[in-house]
Amino acid sequence: SQTLFAVSDNESRPIHTGSLFEVDSEGLTIV
């Protein structure tokens, strides 16, 4: 809920119509 508002609605860059989930030894980062 604290990151979804910044997801793009521009279909010309489909990859940015979603959120990045990045997992490492320190935890989860959503961008």
PDB file of all heavy atoms in Angstrom:
ATOM      1  N   SER A   1       0.819  -1.215   0.000  1.00  0.00           N
ATOM      2  CA  SER A   1       0.000   0.000   0.000  1.00  0.00           C
ATOM      3  C   SER A   1       0.852   1.263   0.000  1.00  0.00           C
ATOM      4  O   SER A   1       0.427   2.303  -0.507  1.00  0.00           O
ATOM      5  CB  SER A   1      -0.932   0.002   1.219  1.00  0.00           C
ATOM      6  OG  SER A   1      -0.198   0.106   2.425  1.00  0.00           O
ATOM      7  N   GLN A   2       2.068   1.186   0.545  1.00  0.00           N
ATOM      8  CA  GLN A   2       2.924   2.367   0.647  1.00  0.00           C
ATOM      9  C   GLN A   2       3.840   2.549  -0.559  1.00  0.00           C
ATOM     10  O   GLN A   2       4.673   3.463  -0.579  1.00  0.00           O
ATOM     11  CB  GLN A   2       3.740   2.285   1.938  1.00  0.00           C
ATOM     12  CG  GLN A   2       2.883   2.447   3.182  1.00  0.00           C
ATOM     13  CD  GLN A   2       3.545   1.922   4.445  1.00  0.00           C
ATOM     14  OE1 GLN A   2       4.707   1.523   4.440  1.00  0.00           O
ATOM     15  NE2 GLN A   2       2.804   1.905   5.542  1.00  0.00           N
ATOM     16  N   THR A   3       3.698   1.693  -1.571  1.00  0.00           N
ATOM     17  CA  THR A   3       4.484   1.838  -2.808  1.00  0.00           C
ATOM     18  C   THR A   3       3.630   1.759  -4.072  1.00  0.00           C
ATOM     19  O   THR A   3       4.049   2.241  -5.123  1.00  0.00           O
ATOM     20  CB  THR A   3       5.577   0.754  -2.899  1.00  0.00           C
ATOM     21  OG1 THR A   3       4.966  -0.547  -2.742  1.00  0.00           O
ATOM     22  CG2 THR A   3       6.633   0.940  -1.815  1.00  0.00           C
ATOM     23  N   LEU A   4       2.447   1.165  -3.965  1.00  0.00           N
ATOM     24  CA  LEU A   4       1.629   0.905  -5.153  1.00  0.00           C
ATOM     25  C   LEU A   4       1.219   2.180  -5.873  1.00  0.00           C
ATOM     26  O   LEU A   4       1.044   2.183  -7.098  1.00  0.00           O
ATOM     27  CB  LEU A   4       0.385   0.099  -4.746  1.00  0.00           C
ATOM     28  CG  LEU A   4      -0.466  -0.491  -5.872  1.00  0.00           C
ATOM     29  CD1 LEU A   4       0.358  -1.437  -6.732  1.00  0.00           C
ATOM     30  CD2 LEU A   4      -1.673  -1.221  -5.293  1.00  0.00           C
ATOM     31  N   PHE A   5       1.070   3.285  -5.141  1.00  0.00           N
ATOM     32  CA  PHE A   5       0.617   4.531  -5.754  1.00  0.00           C
ATOM     33  C   PHE A   5       1.582   5.050  -6.826  1.00  0.00           C
ATOM     34  O   PHE A   5       1.188   5.835  -7.695  1.00  0.00           O
ATOM     35  CB  PHE A   5       0.417   5.612  -4.680  1.00  0.00           C
ATOM     36  CG  PHE A   5       1.689   6.086  -4.038  1.00  0.00           C
ATOM     37  CD1 PHE A   5       2.402   7.153  -4.565  1.00  0.00           C
ATOM     38  CD2 PHE A   5       2.194   5.462  -2.909  1.00  0.00           C
ATOM     39  CE1 PHE A   5       3.578   7.588  -3.987  1.00  0.00           C
ATOM     40  CE2 PHE A   5       3.371   5.888  -2.318  1.00  0.00           C
ATOM     41  CZ  PHE A   5       4.072   6.957  -2.856  1.00  0.00           C
ATOM     42  N   ALA A   6       2.842   4.642  -6.758  1.00  0.00           N
ATOM     43  CA  ALA A   6       3.847   5.142  -7.706  1.00  0.00           C
ATOM     44  C   ALA A   6       4.025   4.234  -8.919  1.00  0.00           C
ATOM     45  O   ALA A   6       4.909   4.476  -9.749  1.00  0.00           O
ATOM     46  CB  ALA A   6       5.192   5.324  -6.995  1.00  0.00           C
ATOM     47  N   VAL A   7       3.205   3.193  -9.048  1.00  0.00           N
ATOM     48  CA  VAL A   7       3.281   2.317 -10.217  1.00  0.00           C
ATOM     49  C   VAL A   7       2.787   3.083 -11.442  1.00  0.00           C
ATOM     50  O   VAL A   7       1.785   3.791 -11.392  1.00  0.00           O
ATOM     51  CB  VAL A   7       2.431   1.040 -10.000  1.00  0.00           C
ATOM     52  CG1 VAL A   7       2.227   0.293 -11.306  1.00  0.00           C
ATOM     53  CG2 VAL A   7       3.112   0.130  -8.989  1.00  0.00           C
ATOM     54  N   SER A   8       3.468   2.932 -12.554  1.00  0.00           N
ATOM     55  CA  SER A   8       3.126   3.654 -13.772  1.00  0.00           C
ATOM     56  C   SER A   8       1.896   3.054 -14.454  1.00  0.00           C
ATOM     57  O   SER A   8       1.672   1.842 -14.395  1.00  0.00           O
ATOM     58  CB  SER A   8       4.304   3.625 -14.750  1.00  0.00           C
ATOM     59  OG  SER A   8       3.956   4.220 -15.975  1.00  0.00           O
ATOM     60  N   ASP A   9       1.105   3.919 -15.096  1.00  0.00           N
ATOM     61  CA  ASP A   9      -0.014   3.439 -15.912  1.00  0.00           C
ATOM     62  C   ASP A   9       0.265   3.635 -17.402  1.00  0.00           C
ATOM     63  O   ASP A   9      -0.620   3.532 -18.239  1.00  0.00           O
ATOM     64  CB  ASP A   9      -1.314   4.153 -15.519  1.00  0.00           C
ATOM     65  CG  ASP A   9      -1.222   5.666 -15.656  1.00  0.00           C
ATOM     66  OD1 ASP A   9      -0.176   6.159 -16.110  1.00  0.00           O
ATOM     67  OD2 ASP A   9      -2.202   6.356 -15.294  1.00  0.00           O
ATOM     68  N   ASN A  10       1.533   3.918 -17.712  1.00  0.00           N
ATOM     69  CA  ASN A  10       1.958   4.136 -19.100  1.00  0.00           C
ATOM     70  C   ASN A  10       2.398   2.807 -19.711  1.00  0.00           C
ATOM     71  O   ASN A  10       3.442   2.256 -19.352  1.00  0.00           O
ATOM     72  CB  ASN A  10       3.093   5.158 -19.136  1.00  0.00           C
ATOM     73  CG  ASN A  10       3.466   5.555 -20.553  1.00  0.00           C
ATOM     74  OD1 ASN A  10       3.040   4.932 -21.526  1.00  0.00           O
ATOM     75  ND2 ASN A  10       4.266   6.603 -20.676  1.00  0.00           N
ATOM     76  N   GLU A  11       1.584   2.299 -20.640  1.00  0.00           N
ATOM     77  CA  GLU A  11       1.861   0.992 -21.241  1.00  0.00           C
ATOM     78  C   GLU A  11       3.055   1.001 -22.190  1.00  0.00           C
ATOM     79  O   GLU A  11       3.488  -0.051 -22.656  1.00  0.00           O
ATOM     80  CB  GLU A  11       0.617   0.487 -21.978  1.00  0.00           C
ATOM     81  CG  GLU A  11      -0.559   0.167 -21.074  1.00  0.00           C
ATOM     82  CD  GLU A  11      -0.283  -1.012 -20.148  1.00  0.00           C
ATOM     83  OE1 GLU A  11       0.601  -1.832 -20.486  1.00  0.00           O
ATOM     84  OE2 GLU A  11      -0.942  -1.110 -19.094  1.00  0.00           O
ATOM     85  N   SER A  12       3.601   2.188 -22.492  1.00  0.00           N
ATOM     86  CA  SER A  12       4.765   2.235 -23.373  1.00  0.00           C
ATOM     87  C   SER A  12       6.001   1.661 -22.679  1.00  0.00           C
ATOM     88  O   SER A  12       6.966   1.281 -23.342  1.00  0.00           O
ATOM     89  CB  SER A  12       5.034   3.671 -23.829  1.00  0.00           C
ATOM     90  OG  SER A  12       5.391   4.489 -22.725  1.00  0.00           O
ATOM     91  N   ARG A  13       6.003   1.635 -21.350  1.00  0.00           N
ATOM     92  CA  ARG A  13       7.067   0.977 -20.566  1.00  0.00           C
ATOM     93  C   ARG A  13       6.410  -0.054 -19.655  1.00  0.00           C
ATOM     94  O   ARG A  13       6.205   0.196 -18.471  1.00  0.00           O
ATOM     95  CB  ARG A  13       7.852   1.989 -19.740  1.00  0.00           C
ATOM     96  CG  ARG A  13       8.724   2.954 -20.532  1.00  0.00           C
ATOM     97  CD  ARG A  13       9.896   2.247 -21.215  1.00  0.00           C
ATOM     98  NE  ARG A  13      10.708   1.476 -20.300  1.00  0.00           N
ATOM     99  CZ  ARG A  13      11.701   1.982 -19.555  1.00  0.00           C
ATOM    100  NH1 ARG A  13      11.983   3.268 -19.629  1.00  0.00           N
ATOM    101  NH2 ARG A  13      12.401   1.211 -18.765  1.00  0.00           N
ATOM    102  N   PRO A  14       6.027  -1.214 -20.188  1.00  0.00           N
ATOM    103  CA  PRO A  14       5.264  -2.206 -19.418  1.00  0.00           C
ATOM    104  C   PRO A  14       5.941  -2.621 -18.117  1.00  0.00           C
ATOM    105  O   PRO A  14       5.260  -2.907 -17.128  1.00  0.00           O
ATOM    106  CB  PRO A  14       5.145  -3.393 -20.384  1.00  0.00           C
ATOM    107  CG  PRO A  14       5.337  -2.797 -21.741  1.00  0.00           C
ATOM    108  CD  PRO A  14       6.287  -1.665 -21.562  1.00  0.00           C
ATOM    109  N   ILE A  15       7.270  -2.661 -18.096  1.00  0.00           N
ATOM    110  CA  ILE A  15       7.978  -3.126 -16.905  1.00  0.00           C
ATOM    111  C   ILE A  15       7.685  -2.247 -15.697  1.00  0.00           C
ATOM    112  O   ILE A  15       7.690  -2.701 -14.557  1.00  0.00           O
ATOM    113  CB  ILE A  15       9.507  -3.192 -17.175  1.00  0.00           C
ATOM    114  CG1 ILE A  15      10.231  -3.913 -16.020  1.00  0.00           C
ATOM    115  CG2 ILE A  15      10.084  -1.803 -17.402  1.00  0.00           C
ATOM    116  CD1 ILE A  15       9.899  -5.359 -15.898  1.00  0.00           C
ATOM    117  N   HIS A  16       7.388  -0.953 -15.928  1.00  0.00           N
ATOM    118  CA  HIS A  16       7.136  -0.031 -14.822  1.00  0.00           C
ATOM    119  C   HIS A  16       5.668   0.026 -14.425  1.00  0.00           C
ATOM    120  O   HIS A  16       5.300   0.819 -13.548  1.00  0.00           O
ATOM    121  CB  HIS A  16       7.655   1.364 -15.169  1.00  0.00           C
ATOM    122  CG  HIS A  16       9.135   1.439 -15.225  1.00  0.00           C
ATOM    123  ND1 HIS A  16       9.820   2.332 -16.027  1.00  0.00           N
ATOM    124  CD2 HIS A  16      10.097   0.707 -14.584  1.00  0.00           C
ATOM    125  CE1 HIS A  16      11.117   2.144 -15.878  1.00  0.00           C
ATOM    126  NE2 HIS A  16      11.307   1.167 -15.008  1.00  0.00           N
ATOM    127  N   THR A  17       4.814  -0.818 -15.048  1.00  0.00           N
ATOM    128  CA  THR A  17       3.431  -0.929 -14.602  1.00  0.00           C
ATOM    129  C   THR A  17       3.316  -1.933 -13.458  1.00  0.00           C
ATOM    130  O   THR A  17       2.215  -2.310 -13.064  1.00  0.00           O
ATOM    131  CB  THR A  17       2.505  -1.359 -15.757  1.00  0.00           C
ATOM    132  OG1 THR A  17       2.923  -2.640 -16.247  1.00  0.00           O
ATOM    133  CG2 THR A  17       2.546  -0.343 -16.882  1.00  0.00           C
ATOM    134  N   GLY A  18       4.451  -2.356 -12.949  1.00  0.00           N
ATOM    135  CA  GLY A  18       4.507  -3.252 -11.801  1.00  0.00           C
ATOM    136  C   GLY A  18       5.531  -2.778 -10.797  1.00  0.00           C
ATOM    137  O   GLY A  18       6.223  -1.777 -11.010  1.00  0.00           O
ATOM    138  N   SER A  19       5.620  -3.492  -9.684  1.00  0.00           N
ATOM    139  CA  SER A  19       6.583  -3.160  -8.626  1.00  0.00           C
ATOM    140  C   SER A  19       7.695  -4.200  -8.595  1.00  0.00           C
ATOM    141  O   SER A  19       7.445  -5.403  -8.750  1.00  0.00           O
ATOM    142  CB  SER A  19       5.892  -3.113  -7.260  1.00  0.00           C
ATOM    143  OG  SER A  19       4.969  -2.058  -7.196  1.00  0.00           O
ATOM    144  N   LEU A  20       8.905  -3.721  -8.366  1.00  0.00           N
ATOM    145  CA  LEU A  20      10.068  -4.598  -8.255  1.00  0.00           C
ATOM    146  C   LEU A  20      10.150  -5.184  -6.853  1.00  0.00           C
ATOM    147  O   LEU A  20      10.105  -4.444  -5.863  1.00  0.00           O
ATOM    148  CB  LEU A  20      11.336  -3.809  -8.568  1.00  0.00           C
ATOM    149  CG  LEU A  20      12.670  -4.521  -8.321  1.00  0.00           C
ATOM    150  CD1 LEU A  20      12.866  -5.664  -9.310  1.00  0.00           C
ATOM    151  CD2 LEU A  20      13.840  -3.533  -8.398  1.00  0.00           C
ATOM    152  N   PHE A  21      10.241  -6.505  -6.760  1.00  0.00           N
ATOM    153  CA  PHE A  21      10.502  -7.205  -5.498  1.00  0.00           C
ATOM    154  C   PHE A  21      11.964  -7.645  -5.533  1.00  0.00           C
ATOM    155  O   PHE A  21      12.366  -8.407  -6.406  1.00  0.00           O
ATOM    156  CB  PHE A  21       9.597  -8.426  -5.347  1.00  0.00           C
ATOM    157  CG  PHE A  21       8.217  -8.134  -4.847  1.00  0.00           C
ATOM    158  CD1 PHE A  21       7.397  -7.240  -5.526  1.00  0.00           C
ATOM    159  CD2 PHE A  21       7.718  -8.731  -3.697  1.00  0.00           C
ATOM    160  CE1 PHE A  21       6.127  -6.960  -5.083  1.00  0.00           C
ATOM    161  CE2 PHE A  21       6.451  -8.458  -3.245  1.00  0.00           C
ATOM    162  CZ  PHE A  21       5.643  -7.568  -3.931  1.00  0.00           C
ATOM    163  N   GLU A  22      12.744  -7.175  -4.574  1.00  0.00           N
ATOM    164  CA  GLU A  22      14.169  -7.478  -4.526  1.00  0.00           C
ATOM    165  C   GLU A  22      14.479  -8.087  -3.159  1.00  0.00           C
ATOM    166  O   GLU A  22      14.218  -7.464  -2.130  1.00  0.00           O
ATOM    167  CB  GLU A  22      14.965  -6.188  -4.743  1.00  0.00           C
ATOM    168  CG  GLU A  22      16.397  -6.399  -5.168  1.00  0.00           C
ATOM    169  CD  GLU A  22      17.046  -5.083  -5.567  1.00  0.00           C
ATOM    170  OE1 GLU A  22      17.182  -4.200  -4.699  1.00  0.00           O
ATOM    171  OE2 GLU A  22      17.410  -4.944  -6.740  1.00  0.00           O
ATOM    172  N   VAL A  23      15.001  -9.302  -3.155  1.00  0.00           N
ATOM    173  CA  VAL A  23      15.254 -10.038  -1.915  1.00  0.00           C
ATOM    174  C   VAL A  23      16.740 -10.314  -1.771  1.00  0.00           C
ATOM    175  O   VAL A  23      17.393 -10.783  -2.702  1.00  0.00           O
ATOM    176  CB  VAL A  23      14.469 -11.369  -1.887  1.00  0.00           C
ATOM    177  CG1 VAL A  23      14.661 -12.083  -0.555  1.00  0.00           C
ATOM    178  CG2 VAL A  23      12.985 -11.124  -2.156  1.00  0.00           C
ATOM    179  N   ASP A  24      17.278 -10.002  -0.591  1.00  0.00           N
ATOM    180  CA  ASP A  24      18.676 -10.317  -0.285  1.00  0.00           C
ATOM    181  C   ASP A  24      18.778 -10.697   1.186  1.00  0.00           C
ATOM    182  O   ASP A  24      17.760 -10.920   1.862  1.00  0.00           O
ATOM    183  CB  ASP A  24      19.593  -9.141  -0.625  1.00  0.00           C
ATOM    184  CG  ASP A  24      19.194  -7.846   0.079  1.00  0.00           C
ATOM    185  OD1 ASP A  24      18.538  -7.918   1.148  1.00  0.00           O
ATOM    186  OD2 ASP A  24      19.532  -6.758  -0.425  1.00  0.00           O
ATOM    187  N   SER A  25      19.997 -10.776   1.693  1.00  0.00           N
ATOM    188  CA  SER A  25      20.209 -11.211   3.071  1.00  0.00           C
ATOM    189  C   SER A  25      19.629 -10.233   4.097  1.00  0.00           C
ATOM    190  O   SER A  25      19.398 -10.600   5.249  1.00  0.00           O
ATOM    191  CB  SER A  25      21.706 -11.398   3.333  1.00  0.00           C
ATOM    192  OG  SER A  25      22.406 -10.180   3.088  1.00  0.00           O
ATOM    193  N   GLU A  26      19.385  -8.989   3.695  1.00  0.00           N
ATOM    194  CA  GLU A  26      18.856  -7.982   4.614  1.00  0.00           C
ATOM    195  C   GLU A  26      17.344  -7.901   4.616  1.00  0.00           C
ATOM    196  O   GLU A  26      16.760  -7.213   5.454  1.00  0.00           O
ATOM    197  CB  GLU A  26      19.445  -6.608   4.273  1.00  0.00           C
ATOM    198  CG  GLU A  26      20.963  -6.538   4.465  1.00  0.00           C
ATOM    199  CD  GLU A  26      21.500  -5.149   4.165  1.00  0.00           C
ATOM    200  OE1 GLU A  26      20.708  -4.292   3.729  1.00  0.00           O
ATOM    201  OE2 GLU A  26      22.705  -4.941   4.372  1.00  0.00           O
ATOM    202  N   GLY A  27      16.675  -8.562   3.678  1.00  0.00           N
ATOM    203  CA  GLY A  27      15.223  -8.559   3.672  1.00  0.00           C
ATOM    204  C   GLY A  27      14.635  -8.308   2.297  1.00  0.00           C
ATOM    205  O   GLY A  27      15.261  -8.576   1.265  1.00  0.00           O
ATOM    206  N   LEU A  28      13.420  -7.769   2.290  1.00  0.00           N
ATOM    207  CA  LEU A  28      12.679  -7.515   1.058  1.00  0.00           C
ATOM    208  C   LEU A  28      12.582  -6.015   0.800  1.00  0.00           C
ATOM    209  O   LEU A  28      12.260  -5.237   1.692  1.00  0.00           O
ATOM    210  CB  LEU A  28      11.261  -8.106   1.163  1.00  0.00           C
ATOM    211  CG  LEU A  28      10.246  -7.688   0.088  1.00  0.00           C
ATOM    212  CD1 LEU A  28      10.668  -8.213  -1.282  1.00  0.00           C
ATOM    213  CD2 LEU A  28       8.847  -8.185   0.450  1.00  0.00           C
ATOM    214  N   THR A  29      12.857  -5.630  -0.441  1.00  0.00           N
ATOM    215  CA  THR A  29      12.697  -4.249  -0.882  1.00  0.00           C
ATOM    216  C   THR A  29      11.692  -4.221  -2.020  1.00  0.00           C
ATOM    217  O   THR A  29      11.802  -5.000  -2.964  1.00  0.00           O
ATOM    218  CB  THR A  29      14.031  -3.651  -1.370  1.00  0.00           C
ATOM    219  OG1 THR A  29      14.984  -3.703  -0.299  1.00  0.00           O
ATOM    220  CG2 THR A  29      13.847  -2.197  -1.789  1.00  0.00           C
ATOM    221  N   ILE A  30      10.673  -3.353  -1.910  1.00  0.00           N
ATOM    222  CA  ILE A  30       9.682  -3.168  -2.975  1.00  0.00           C
ATOM    223  C   ILE A  30       9.849  -1.760  -3.528  1.00  0.00           C
ATOM    224  O   ILE A  30       9.884  -0.785  -2.767  1.00  0.00           O
ATOM    225  CB  ILE A  30       8.247  -3.385  -2.467  1.00  0.00           C
ATOM    226  CG1 ILE A  30       8.070  -4.809  -1.919  1.00  0.00           C
ATOM    227  CG2 ILE A  30       7.241  -3.128  -3.581  1.00  0.00           C
ATOM    228  CD1 ILE A  30       6.672  -5.104  -1.403  1.00  0.00           C
ATOM    229  N   VAL A  31       9.958  -1.662  -4.849  1.00  0.00           N
ATOM    230  CA  VAL A  31      10.188  -0.371  -5.506  1.00  0.00           C
ATOM    231  C   VAL A  31       9.163  -0.174  -6.616  1.00  0.00           C
ATOM    232  O   VAL A  31       8.919  -1.086  -7.417  1.00  0.00           O
ATOM    233  CB  VAL A  31      11.611  -0.293  -6.109  1.00  0.00           C
ATOM    234  CG1 VAL A  31      11.846   1.091  -6.717  1.00  0.00           C
ATOM    235  CG2 VAL A  31      12.664  -0.609  -5.065  1.00  0.00           C
TER     236      VAL A  31
END
